mmCIF file of all heavy atoms, coordinates in Angstrom:
data_MODEL
# 
_entry.id   MODEL 
# 
loop_
_atom_site.group_PDB 
_atom_site.id 
_atom_site.type_symbol 
_atom_site.label_atom_id 
_atom_site.label_alt_id 
_atom_site.label_comp_id 
_atom_site.label_asym_id 
_atom_site.label_entity_id 
_atom_site.label_seq_id 
_atom_site.pdbx_PDB_ins_code 
_atom_site.Cartn_x 
_atom_site.Cartn_y 
_atom_site.Cartn_z 
_atom_site.occupancy 
_atom_site.B_iso_or_equiv 
_atom_site.pdbx_formal_charge 
_atom_site.auth_seq_id 
_atom_site.auth_comp_id 
_atom_site.auth_asym_id 
_atom_site.auth_atom_id 
_atom_site.pdbx_PDB_model_num 
ATOM 1   N N   . LYS A 1 1  ? 0.813   -1.227 -0.008  1.00 0.00 ? 1  LYS A N   1 
ATOM 2   C CA  . LYS A 1 1  ? -0.002  -0.002 -0.004  1.00 0.00 ? 1  LYS A CA  1 
ATOM 3   C C   . LYS A 1 1  ? 0.852   1.263  -0.002  1.00 0.00 ? 1  LYS A C   1 
ATOM 4   O O   . LYS A 1 1  ? 0.474   2.267  -0.601  1.00 0.00 ? 1  LYS A O   1 
ATOM 5   C CB  . LYS A 1 1  ? -0.913  0.011  1.232   1.00 0.00 ? 1  LYS A CB  1 
ATOM 6   C CG  . LYS A 1 1  ? -1.825  -1.204 1.349   1.00 0.00 ? 1  LYS A CG  1 
ATOM 7   C CD  . LYS A 1 1  ? -2.751  -1.371 0.159   1.00 0.00 ? 1  LYS A CD  1 
ATOM 8   C CE  . LYS A 1 1  ? -3.675  -2.573 0.327   1.00 0.00 ? 1  LYS A CE  1 
ATOM 9   N NZ  . LYS A 1 1  ? -4.517  -2.786 -0.876  1.00 0.00 ? 1  LYS A NZ  1 
ATOM 10  N N   . ASN A 1 2  ? 1.974   1.230  0.685   1.00 0.00 ? 2  ASN A N   1 
ATOM 11  C CA  . ASN A 1 2  ? 2.826   2.422  0.834   1.00 0.00 ? 2  ASN A CA  1 
ATOM 12  C C   . ASN A 1 2  ? 4.042   2.284  -0.073  1.00 0.00 ? 2  ASN A C   1 
ATOM 13  O O   . ASN A 1 2  ? 5.051   1.690  0.292   1.00 0.00 ? 2  ASN A O   1 
ATOM 14  C CB  . ASN A 1 2  ? 3.241   2.600  2.281   1.00 0.00 ? 2  ASN A CB  1 
ATOM 15  C CG  . ASN A 1 2  ? 2.083   2.850  3.208   1.00 0.00 ? 2  ASN A CG  1 
ATOM 16  O OD1 . ASN A 1 2  ? 1.125   3.553  2.848   1.00 0.00 ? 2  ASN A OD1 1 
ATOM 17  N ND2 . ASN A 1 2  ? 2.112   2.256  4.382   1.00 0.00 ? 2  ASN A ND2 1 
ATOM 18  N N   . VAL A 1 3  ? 3.925   2.838  -1.273  1.00 0.00 ? 3  VAL A N   1 
ATOM 19  C CA  . VAL A 1 3  ? 4.986   2.745  -2.266  1.00 0.00 ? 3  VAL A CA  1 
ATOM 20  C C   . VAL A 1 3  ? 5.304   4.139  -2.809  1.00 0.00 ? 3  VAL A C   1 
ATOM 21  O O   . VAL A 1 3  ? 4.389   4.821  -3.302  1.00 0.00 ? 3  VAL A O   1 
ATOM 22  C CB  . VAL A 1 3  ? 4.601   1.808  -3.427  1.00 0.00 ? 3  VAL A CB  1 
ATOM 23  C CG1 . VAL A 1 3  ? 5.772   1.655  -4.406  1.00 0.00 ? 3  VAL A CG1 1 
ATOM 24  C CG2 . VAL A 1 3  ? 4.152   0.465  -2.923  1.00 0.00 ? 3  VAL A CG2 1 
ATOM 25  N N   . ALA A 1 4  ? 6.554   4.544  -2.699  1.00 0.00 ? 4  ALA A N   1 
ATOM 26  C CA  . ALA A 1 4  ? 6.978   5.830  -3.246  1.00 0.00 ? 4  ALA A CA  1 
ATOM 27  C C   . ALA A 1 4  ? 7.722   5.553  -4.558  1.00 0.00 ? 4  ALA A C   1 
ATOM 28  O O   . ALA A 1 4  ? 8.879   5.101  -4.556  1.00 0.00 ? 4  ALA A O   1 
ATOM 29  C CB  . ALA A 1 4  ? 7.899   6.562  -2.268  1.00 0.00 ? 4  ALA A CB  1 
ATOM 30  N N   . GLU A 1 5  ? 7.038   5.790  -5.675  1.00 0.00 ? 5  GLU A N   1 
ATOM 31  C CA  . GLU A 1 5  ? 7.636   5.564  -7.003  1.00 0.00 ? 5  GLU A CA  1 
ATOM 32  C C   . GLU A 1 5  ? 8.298   6.861  -7.433  1.00 0.00 ? 5  GLU A C   1 
ATOM 33  O O   . GLU A 1 5  ? 7.673   7.704  -8.086  1.00 0.00 ? 5  GLU A O   1 
ATOM 34  C CB  . GLU A 1 5  ? 6.538   5.120  -7.988  1.00 0.00 ? 5  GLU A CB  1 
ATOM 35  C CG  . GLU A 1 5  ? 5.894   3.801  -7.592  1.00 0.00 ? 5  GLU A CG  1 
ATOM 36  C CD  . GLU A 1 5  ? 4.629   3.476  -8.386  1.00 0.00 ? 5  GLU A CD  1 
ATOM 37  O OE1 . GLU A 1 5  ? 3.831   4.399  -8.641  1.00 0.00 ? 5  GLU A OE1 1 
ATOM 38  O OE2 . GLU A 1 5  ? 4.437   2.294  -8.720  1.00 0.00 ? 5  GLU A OE2 1 
ATOM 39  N N   . ILE A 1 6  ? 9.572   7.016  -7.065  1.00 0.00 ? 6  ILE A N   1 
ATOM 40  C CA  . ILE A 1 6  ? 10.186  8.330  -7.196  1.00 0.00 ? 6  ILE A CA  1 
ATOM 41  C C   . ILE A 1 6  ? 10.430  8.757  -8.631  1.00 0.00 ? 6  ILE A C   1 
ATOM 42  O O   . ILE A 1 6  ? 10.633  9.943  -8.891  1.00 0.00 ? 6  ILE A O   1 
ATOM 43  C CB  . ILE A 1 6  ? 11.498  8.423  -6.367  1.00 0.00 ? 6  ILE A CB  1 
ATOM 44  C CG1 . ILE A 1 6  ? 12.526  7.417  -6.868  1.00 0.00 ? 6  ILE A CG1 1 
ATOM 45  C CG2 . ILE A 1 6  ? 11.203  8.245  -4.889  1.00 0.00 ? 6  ILE A CG2 1 
ATOM 46  C CD1 . ILE A 1 6  ? 13.899  7.591  -6.204  1.00 0.00 ? 6  ILE A CD1 1 
ATOM 47  N N   . GLN A 1 7  ? 10.428  7.831  -9.579  1.00 0.00 ? 7  GLN A N   1 
ATOM 48  C CA  . GLN A 1 7  ? 10.503  8.184  -10.983 1.00 0.00 ? 7  GLN A CA  1 
ATOM 49  C C   . GLN A 1 7  ? 9.146   8.091  -11.658 1.00 0.00 ? 7  GLN A C   1 
ATOM 50  O O   . GLN A 1 7  ? 9.060   8.084  -12.897 1.00 0.00 ? 7  GLN A O   1 
ATOM 51  C CB  . GLN A 1 7  ? 11.504  7.286  -11.725 1.00 0.00 ? 7  GLN A CB  1 
ATOM 52  C CG  . GLN A 1 7  ? 12.955  7.600  -11.433 1.00 0.00 ? 7  GLN A CG  1 
ATOM 53  C CD  . GLN A 1 7  ? 13.895  6.773  -12.274 1.00 0.00 ? 7  GLN A CD  1 
ATOM 54  O OE1 . GLN A 1 7  ? 14.474  5.798  -11.817 1.00 0.00 ? 7  GLN A OE1 1 
ATOM 55  N NE2 . GLN A 1 7  ? 14.049  7.152  -13.524 1.00 0.00 ? 7  GLN A NE2 1 
ATOM 56  N N   . GLY A 1 8  ? 8.097   8.082  -10.854 1.00 0.00 ? 8  GLY A N   1 
ATOM 57  C CA  . GLY A 1 8  ? 6.767   7.888  -11.410 1.00 0.00 ? 8  GLY A CA  1 
ATOM 58  C C   . GLY A 1 8  ? 6.599   6.446  -11.831 1.00 0.00 ? 8  GLY A C   1 
ATOM 59  O O   . GLY A 1 8  ? 7.419   5.590  -11.554 1.00 0.00 ? 8  GLY A O   1 
ATOM 60  N N   . SER A 1 9  ? 5.503   6.166  -12.524 1.00 0.00 ? 9  SER A N   1 
ATOM 61  C CA  . SER A 1 9  ? 5.254   4.805  -12.972 1.00 0.00 ? 9  SER A CA  1 
ATOM 62  C C   . SER A 1 9  ? 4.145   4.820  -14.009 1.00 0.00 ? 9  SER A C   1 
ATOM 63  O O   . SER A 1 9  ? 3.610   5.890  -14.353 1.00 0.00 ? 9  SER A O   1 
ATOM 64  C CB  . SER A 1 9  ? 4.853   3.908  -11.803 1.00 0.00 ? 9  SER A CB  1 
ATOM 65  O OG  . SER A 1 9  ? 3.514   4.177  -11.399 1.00 0.00 ? 9  SER A OG  1 
ATOM 66  N N   . LEU A 1 10 ? 3.785   3.629  -14.462 1.00 0.00 ? 10 LEU A N   1 
ATOM 67  C CA  . LEU A 1 10 ? 2.683   3.520  -15.424 1.00 0.00 ? 10 LEU A CA  1 
ATOM 68  C C   . LEU A 1 10 ? 1.328   3.632  -14.734 1.00 0.00 ? 10 LEU A C   1 
ATOM 69  O O   . LEU A 1 10 ? 0.300   3.418  -15.348 1.00 0.00 ? 10 LEU A O   1 
ATOM 70  C CB  . LEU A 1 10 ? 2.788   2.202  -16.191 1.00 0.00 ? 10 LEU A CB  1 
ATOM 71  C CG  . LEU A 1 10 ? 4.023   2.096  -17.070 1.00 0.00 ? 10 LEU A CG  1 
ATOM 72  C CD1 . LEU A 1 10 ? 4.084   0.741  -17.756 1.00 0.00 ? 10 LEU A CD1 1 
ATOM 73  C CD2 . LEU A 1 10 ? 4.068   3.202  -18.107 1.00 0.00 ? 10 LEU A CD2 1 
ATOM 74  N N   . GLN A 1 11 ? 1.345   4.006  -13.452 1.00 0.00 ? 11 GLN A N   1 
ATOM 75  C CA  . GLN A 1 11 ? 0.100   4.345  -12.739 1.00 0.00 ? 11 GLN A CA  1 
ATOM 76  C C   . GLN A 1 11 ? -0.197  5.838  -12.819 1.00 0.00 ? 11 GLN A C   1 
ATOM 77  O O   . GLN A 1 11 ? -1.290  6.264  -12.458 1.00 0.00 ? 11 GLN A O   1 
ATOM 78  C CB  . GLN A 1 11 ? 0.209   3.954  -11.256 1.00 0.00 ? 11 GLN A CB  1 
ATOM 79  C CG  . GLN A 1 11 ? 0.416   2.477  -11.023 1.00 0.00 ? 11 GLN A CG  1 
ATOM 80  C CD  . GLN A 1 11 ? 0.289   2.100  -9.563  1.00 0.00 ? 11 GLN A CD  1 
ATOM 81  O OE1 . GLN A 1 11 ? -0.816  1.807  -9.100  1.00 0.00 ? 11 GLN A OE1 1 
ATOM 82  N NE2 . GLN A 1 11 ? 1.382   2.117  -8.841  1.00 0.00 ? 11 GLN A NE2 1 
ATOM 83  N N   . ILE A 1 12 ? 0.792   6.621  -13.219 1.00 0.00 ? 12 ILE A N   1 
ATOM 84  C CA  . ILE A 1 12 ? 0.655   8.069  -13.278 1.00 0.00 ? 12 ILE A CA  1 
ATOM 85  C C   . ILE A 1 12 ? 0.674   8.478  -14.729 1.00 0.00 ? 12 ILE A C   1 
ATOM 86  O O   . ILE A 1 12 ? 1.715   8.479  -15.400 1.00 0.00 ? 12 ILE A O   1 
ATOM 87  C CB  . ILE A 1 12 ? 1.796   8.776  -12.506 1.00 0.00 ? 12 ILE A CB  1 
ATOM 88  C CG1 . ILE A 1 12 ? 1.870   8.244  -11.064 1.00 0.00 ? 12 ILE A CG1 1 
ATOM 89  C CG2 . ILE A 1 12 ? 1.616   10.295 -12.518 1.00 0.00 ? 12 ILE A CG2 1 
ATOM 90  C CD1 . ILE A 1 12 ? 3.114   8.655  -10.322 1.00 0.00 ? 12 ILE A CD1 1 
ATOM 91  N N   . ASN A 1 13 ? -0.477  8.853  -15.266 1.00 0.00 ? 13 ASN A N   1 
ATOM 92  C CA  . ASN A 1 13 ? -0.618  9.114  -16.696 1.00 0.00 ? 13 ASN A CA  1 
ATOM 93  C C   . ASN A 1 13 ? -1.280  10.462 -16.925 1.00 0.00 ? 13 ASN A C   1 
ATOM 94  O O   . ASN A 1 13 ? -2.136  10.871 -16.153 1.00 0.00 ? 13 ASN A O   1 
ATOM 95  C CB  . ASN A 1 13 ? -1.441  7.995  -17.350 1.00 0.00 ? 13 ASN A CB  1 
ATOM 96  C CG  . ASN A 1 13 ? -0.934  6.622  -16.971 1.00 0.00 ? 13 ASN A CG  1 
ATOM 97  O OD1 . ASN A 1 13 ? 0.199   6.274  -17.276 1.00 0.00 ? 13 ASN A OD1 1 
ATOM 98  N ND2 . ASN A 1 13 ? -1.748  5.840  -16.284 1.00 0.00 ? 13 ASN A ND2 1 
ATOM 99  N N   . CYS A 1 14 ? -0.900  11.101 -18.009 1.00 0.00 ? 14 CYS A N   1 
ATOM 100 C CA  . CYS A 1 14 ? -1.368  12.475 -18.259 1.00 0.00 ? 14 CYS A CA  1 
ATOM 101 C C   . CYS A 1 14 ? -1.616  12.687 -19.734 1.00 0.00 ? 14 CYS A C   1 
ATOM 102 O O   . CYS A 1 14 ? -0.856  12.197 -20.590 1.00 0.00 ? 14 CYS A O   1 
ATOM 103 C CB  . CYS A 1 14 ? -0.294  13.454 -17.745 1.00 0.00 ? 14 CYS A CB  1 
ATOM 104 S SG  . CYS A 1 14 ? -0.738  15.176 -17.897 1.00 0.00 ? 14 CYS A SG  1 
ATOM 105 N N   . CYS A 1 15 ? -2.650  13.432 -20.052 1.00 0.00 ? 15 CYS A N   1 
ATOM 106 C CA  . CYS A 1 15 ? -2.912  13.839 -21.440 1.00 0.00 ? 15 CYS A CA  1 
ATOM 107 C C   . CYS A 1 15 ? -1.860  14.849 -21.875 1.00 0.00 ? 15 CYS A C   1 
ATOM 108 O O   . CYS A 1 15 ? -1.650  15.870 -21.192 1.00 0.00 ? 15 CYS A O   1 
ATOM 109 C CB  . CYS A 1 15 ? -4.301  14.422 -21.568 1.00 0.00 ? 15 CYS A CB  1 
ATOM 110 S SG  . CYS A 1 15 ? -4.637  15.117 -23.221 1.00 0.00 ? 15 CYS A SG  1 
ATOM 111 N N   . ALA A 1 16 ? -1.188  14.559 -22.961 1.00 0.00 ? 16 ALA A N   1 
ATOM 112 C CA  . ALA A 1 16 ? -0.158  15.458 -23.447 1.00 0.00 ? 16 ALA A CA  1 
ATOM 113 C C   . ALA A 1 16 ? -0.720  16.786 -23.954 1.00 0.00 ? 16 ALA A C   1 
ATOM 114 O O   . ALA A 1 16 ? 0.016   17.767 -24.080 1.00 0.00 ? 16 ALA A O   1 
ATOM 115 C CB  . ALA A 1 16 ? 0.648   14.787 -24.569 1.00 0.00 ? 16 ALA A CB  1 
ATOM 116 N N   . LYS A 1 17 ? -2.029  16.850 -24.208 1.00 0.00 ? 17 LYS A N   1 
ATOM 117 C CA  . LYS A 1 17 ? -2.639  18.057 -24.765 1.00 0.00 ? 17 LYS A CA  1 
ATOM 118 C C   . LYS A 1 17 ? -3.253  18.943 -23.695 1.00 0.00 ? 17 LYS A C   1 
ATOM 119 O O   . LYS A 1 17 ? -2.943  20.135 -23.617 1.00 0.00 ? 17 LYS A O   1 
ATOM 120 C CB  . LYS A 1 17 ? -3.705  17.661 -25.793 1.00 0.00 ? 17 LYS A CB  1 
ATOM 121 C CG  . LYS A 1 17 ? -4.333  18.826 -26.524 1.00 0.00 ? 17 LYS A CG  1 
ATOM 122 C CD  . LYS A 1 17 ? -5.304  18.331 -27.596 1.00 0.00 ? 17 LYS A CD  1 
ATOM 123 C CE  . LYS A 1 17 ? -5.965  19.484 -28.353 1.00 0.00 ? 17 LYS A CE  1 
ATOM 124 N NZ  . LYS A 1 17 ? -6.909  18.993 -29.384 1.00 0.00 ? 17 LYS A NZ  1 
ATOM 125 N N   . CYS A 1 18 ? -4.096  18.369 -22.825 1.00 0.00 ? 18 CYS A N   1 
ATOM 126 C CA  . CYS A 1 18 ? -4.797  19.223 -21.850 1.00 0.00 ? 18 CYS A CA  1 
ATOM 127 C C   . CYS A 1 18 ? -4.330  19.017 -20.409 1.00 0.00 ? 18 CYS A C   1 
ATOM 128 O O   . CYS A 1 18 ? -4.739  19.771 -19.518 1.00 0.00 ? 18 CYS A O   1 
ATOM 129 C CB  . CYS A 1 18 ? -6.294  18.997 -21.940 1.00 0.00 ? 18 CYS A CB  1 
ATOM 130 S SG  . CYS A 1 18 ? -6.883  17.404 -21.309 1.00 0.00 ? 18 CYS A SG  1 
ATOM 131 N N   . GLY A 1 19 ? -3.508  17.995 -20.160 1.00 0.00 ? 19 GLY A N   1 
ATOM 132 C CA  . GLY A 1 19 ? -2.963  17.777 -18.838 1.00 0.00 ? 19 GLY A CA  1 
ATOM 133 C C   . GLY A 1 19 ? -3.848  16.968 -17.893 1.00 0.00 ? 19 GLY A C   1 
ATOM 134 O O   . GLY A 1 19 ? -3.480  16.797 -16.730 1.00 0.00 ? 19 GLY A O   1 
ATOM 135 N N   . ARG A 1 20 ? -4.965  16.491 -18.355 1.00 0.00 ? 20 ARG A N   1 
ATOM 136 C CA  . ARG A 1 20 ? -5.838  15.682 -17.505 1.00 0.00 ? 20 ARG A CA  1 
ATOM 137 C C   . ARG A 1 20 ? -5.146  14.394 -17.113 1.00 0.00 ? 20 ARG A C   1 
ATOM 138 O O   . ARG A 1 20 ? -4.514  13.742 -17.929 1.00 0.00 ? 20 ARG A O   1 
ATOM 139 C CB  . ARG A 1 20 ? -7.153  15.384 -18.222 1.00 0.00 ? 20 ARG A CB  1 
ATOM 140 C CG  . ARG A 1 20 ? -8.128  14.540 -17.412 1.00 0.00 ? 20 ARG A CG  1 
ATOM 141 C CD  . ARG A 1 20 ? -9.464  14.404 -18.114 1.00 0.00 ? 20 ARG A CD  1 
ATOM 142 N NE  . ARG A 1 20 ? -10.376 13.531 -17.393 1.00 0.00 ? 20 ARG A NE  1 
ATOM 143 C CZ  . ARG A 1 20 ? -11.639 13.310 -17.738 1.00 0.00 ? 20 ARG A CZ  1 
ATOM 144 N NH1 . ARG A 1 20 ? -12.140 13.890 -18.822 1.00 0.00 ? 20 ARG A NH1 1 
ATOM 145 N NH2 . ARG A 1 20 ? -12.399 12.494 -17.029 1.00 0.00 ? 20 ARG A NH2 1 
ATOM 146 N N   . HIS A 1 21 ? -5.272  14.018 -15.822 1.00 0.00 ? 21 HIS A N   1 
ATOM 147 C CA  . HIS A 1 21 ? -4.629  12.807 -15.327 1.00 0.00 ? 21 HIS A CA  1 
ATOM 148 C C   . HIS A 1 21 ? -5.546  11.594 -15.445 1.00 0.00 ? 21 HIS A C   1 
ATOM 149 O O   . HIS A 1 21 ? -6.752  11.681 -15.241 1.00 0.00 ? 21 HIS A O   1 
ATOM 150 C CB  . HIS A 1 21 ? -4.193  12.992 -13.876 1.00 0.00 ? 21 HIS A CB  1 
ATOM 151 C CG  . HIS A 1 21 ? -2.802  13.476 -13.746 1.00 0.00 ? 21 HIS A CG  1 
ATOM 152 N ND1 . HIS A 1 21 ? -1.724  12.658 -13.479 1.00 0.00 ? 21 HIS A ND1 1 
ATOM 153 C CD2 . HIS A 1 21 ? -2.270  14.735 -13.884 1.00 0.00 ? 21 HIS A CD2 1 
ATOM 154 C CE1 . HIS A 1 21 ? -0.606  13.369 -13.450 1.00 0.00 ? 21 HIS A CE1 1 
ATOM 155 N NE2 . HIS A 1 21 ? -0.913  14.634 -13.673 1.00 0.00 ? 21 HIS A NE2 1 
ATOM 156 N N   . TYR A 1 22 ? -4.924  10.459 -15.771 1.00 0.00 ? 22 TYR A N   1 
ATOM 157 C CA  . TYR A 1 22 ? -5.596  9.172  -15.805 1.00 0.00 ? 22 TYR A CA  1 
ATOM 158 C C   . TYR A 1 22 ? -4.728  8.197  -15.001 1.00 0.00 ? 22 TYR A C   1 
ATOM 159 O O   . TYR A 1 22 ? -3.848  7.531  -15.537 1.00 0.00 ? 22 TYR A O   1 
ATOM 160 C CB  . TYR A 1 22 ? -5.733  8.689  -17.269 1.00 0.00 ? 22 TYR A CB  1 
ATOM 161 C CG  . TYR A 1 22 ? -6.692  9.501  -18.084 1.00 0.00 ? 22 TYR A CG  1 
ATOM 162 C CD1 . TYR A 1 22 ? -6.290  10.675 -18.714 1.00 0.00 ? 22 TYR A CD1 1 
ATOM 163 C CD2 . TYR A 1 22 ? -8.019  9.111  -18.225 1.00 0.00 ? 22 TYR A CD2 1 
ATOM 164 C CE1 . TYR A 1 22 ? -7.188  11.440 -19.452 1.00 0.00 ? 22 TYR A CE1 1 
ATOM 165 C CE2 . TYR A 1 22 ? -8.923  9.862  -18.979 1.00 0.00 ? 22 TYR A CE2 1 
ATOM 166 C CZ  . TYR A 1 22 ? -8.486  11.015 -19.589 1.00 0.00 ? 22 TYR A CZ  1 
ATOM 167 O OH  . TYR A 1 22 ? -9.385  11.776 -20.318 1.00 0.00 ? 22 TYR A OH  1 
ATOM 168 N N   . ASP A 1 23 ? -4.951  8.139  -13.708 1.00 0.00 ? 23 ASP A N   1 
ATOM 169 C CA  . ASP A 1 23 ? -4.114  7.325  -12.837 1.00 0.00 ? 23 ASP A CA  1 
ATOM 170 C C   . ASP A 1 23 ? -4.594  5.876  -12.815 1.00 0.00 ? 23 ASP A C   1 
ATOM 171 O O   . ASP A 1 23 ? -5.794  5.605  -12.868 1.00 0.00 ? 23 ASP A O   1 
ATOM 172 C CB  . ASP A 1 23 ? -4.085  7.913  -11.441 1.00 0.00 ? 23 ASP A CB  1 
ATOM 173 C CG  . ASP A 1 23 ? -3.367  9.264  -11.400 1.00 0.00 ? 23 ASP A CG  1 
ATOM 174 O OD1 . ASP A 1 23 ? -2.569  9.524  -12.323 1.00 0.00 ? 23 ASP A OD1 1 
ATOM 175 O OD2 . ASP A 1 23 ? -3.604  10.045 -10.474 1.00 0.00 ? 23 ASP A OD2 1 
ATOM 176 N N   . GLY A 1 24 ? -3.652  4.952  -12.736 1.00 0.00 ? 24 GLY A N   1 
ATOM 177 C CA  . GLY A 1 24 ? -3.934  3.527  -12.761 1.00 0.00 ? 24 GLY A CA  1 
ATOM 178 C C   . GLY A 1 24 ? -3.304  2.886  -13.977 1.00 0.00 ? 24 GLY A C   1 
ATOM 179 O O   . GLY A 1 24 ? -3.356  3.431  -15.079 1.00 0.00 ? 24 GLY A O   1 
ATOM 180 N N   . TYR A 1 25 ? -2.696  1.714  -13.795 1.00 0.00 ? 25 TYR A N   1 
ATOM 181 C CA  . TYR A 1 25 ? -1.968  1.048  -14.876 1.00 0.00 ? 25 TYR A CA  1 
ATOM 182 C C   . TYR A 1 25 ? -2.878  0.331  -15.869 1.00 0.00 ? 25 TYR A C   1 
ATOM 183 O O   . TYR A 1 25 ? -2.459  -0.038 -16.961 1.00 0.00 ? 25 TYR A O   1 
ATOM 184 C CB  . TYR A 1 25 ? -0.942  0.070  -14.305 1.00 0.00 ? 25 TYR A CB  1 
ATOM 185 C CG  . TYR A 1 25 ? -1.535  -0.994 -13.423 1.00 0.00 ? 25 TYR A CG  1 
ATOM 186 C CD1 . TYR A 1 25 ? -2.067  -2.169 -13.962 1.00 0.00 ? 25 TYR A CD1 1 
ATOM 187 C CD2 . TYR A 1 25 ? -1.552  -0.861 -12.035 1.00 0.00 ? 25 TYR A CD2 1 
ATOM 188 C CE1 . TYR A 1 25 ? -2.609  -3.145 -13.148 1.00 0.00 ? 25 TYR A CE1 1 
ATOM 189 C CE2 . TYR A 1 25 ? -2.081  -1.824 -11.213 1.00 0.00 ? 25 TYR A CE2 1 
ATOM 190 C CZ  . TYR A 1 25 ? -2.603  -2.969 -11.767 1.00 0.00 ? 25 TYR A CZ  1 
ATOM 191 O OH  . TYR A 1 25 ? -3.157  -3.938 -10.961 1.00 0.00 ? 25 TYR A OH  1 
ATOM 192 N N   . GLU A 1 26 ? -4.152  0.083  -15.483 1.00 0.00 ? 26 GLU A N   1 
ATOM 193 C CA  . GLU A 1 26 ? -5.039  -0.683 -16.349 1.00 0.00 ? 26 GLU A CA  1 
ATOM 194 C C   . GLU A 1 26 ? -5.277  -0.027 -17.712 1.00 0.00 ? 26 GLU A C   1 
ATOM 195 O O   . GLU A 1 26 ? -5.650  -0.686 -18.677 1.00 0.00 ? 26 GLU A O   1 
ATOM 196 C CB  . GLU A 1 26 ? -6.390  -0.888 -15.656 1.00 0.00 ? 26 GLU A CB  1 
ATOM 197 C CG  . GLU A 1 26 ? -6.324  -1.711 -14.374 1.00 0.00 ? 26 GLU A CG  1 
ATOM 198 C CD  . GLU A 1 26 ? -6.100  -3.191 -14.659 1.00 0.00 ? 26 GLU A CD  1 
ATOM 199 O OE1 . GLU A 1 26 ? -6.272  -3.603 -15.831 1.00 0.00 ? 26 GLU A OE1 1 
ATOM 200 O OE2 . GLU A 1 26 ? -5.730  -3.921 -13.732 1.00 0.00 ? 26 GLU A OE2 1 
ATOM 201 N N   . ILE A 1 27 ? -5.054  1.273  -17.782 1.00 0.00 ? 27 ILE A N   1 
ATOM 202 C CA  . ILE A 1 27 ? -5.300  2.008  -19.040 1.00 0.00 ? 27 ILE A CA  1 
ATOM 203 C C   . ILE A 1 27 ? -4.410  1.498  -20.167 1.00 0.00 ? 27 ILE A C   1 
ATOM 204 O O   . ILE A 1 27 ? -4.737  1.656  -21.345 1.00 0.00 ? 27 ILE A O   1 
ATOM 205 C CB  . ILE A 1 27 ? -5.084  3.518  -18.806 1.00 0.00 ? 27 ILE A CB  1 
ATOM 206 C CG1 . ILE A 1 27 ? -5.652  4.314  -19.992 1.00 0.00 ? 27 ILE A CG1 1 
ATOM 207 C CG2 . ILE A 1 27 ? -3.613  3.850  -18.628 1.00 0.00 ? 27 ILE A CG2 1 
ATOM 208 C CD1 . ILE A 1 27 ? -5.665  5.808  -19.753 1.00 0.00 ? 27 ILE A CD1 1 
# 
């Protein structure tokens, strides 16, 4: 549960155009 992904991960996702976040690796 407590994980610090200091380089980010495939759970942290962002639209390159508007910046909206889509968190979670299932995407």
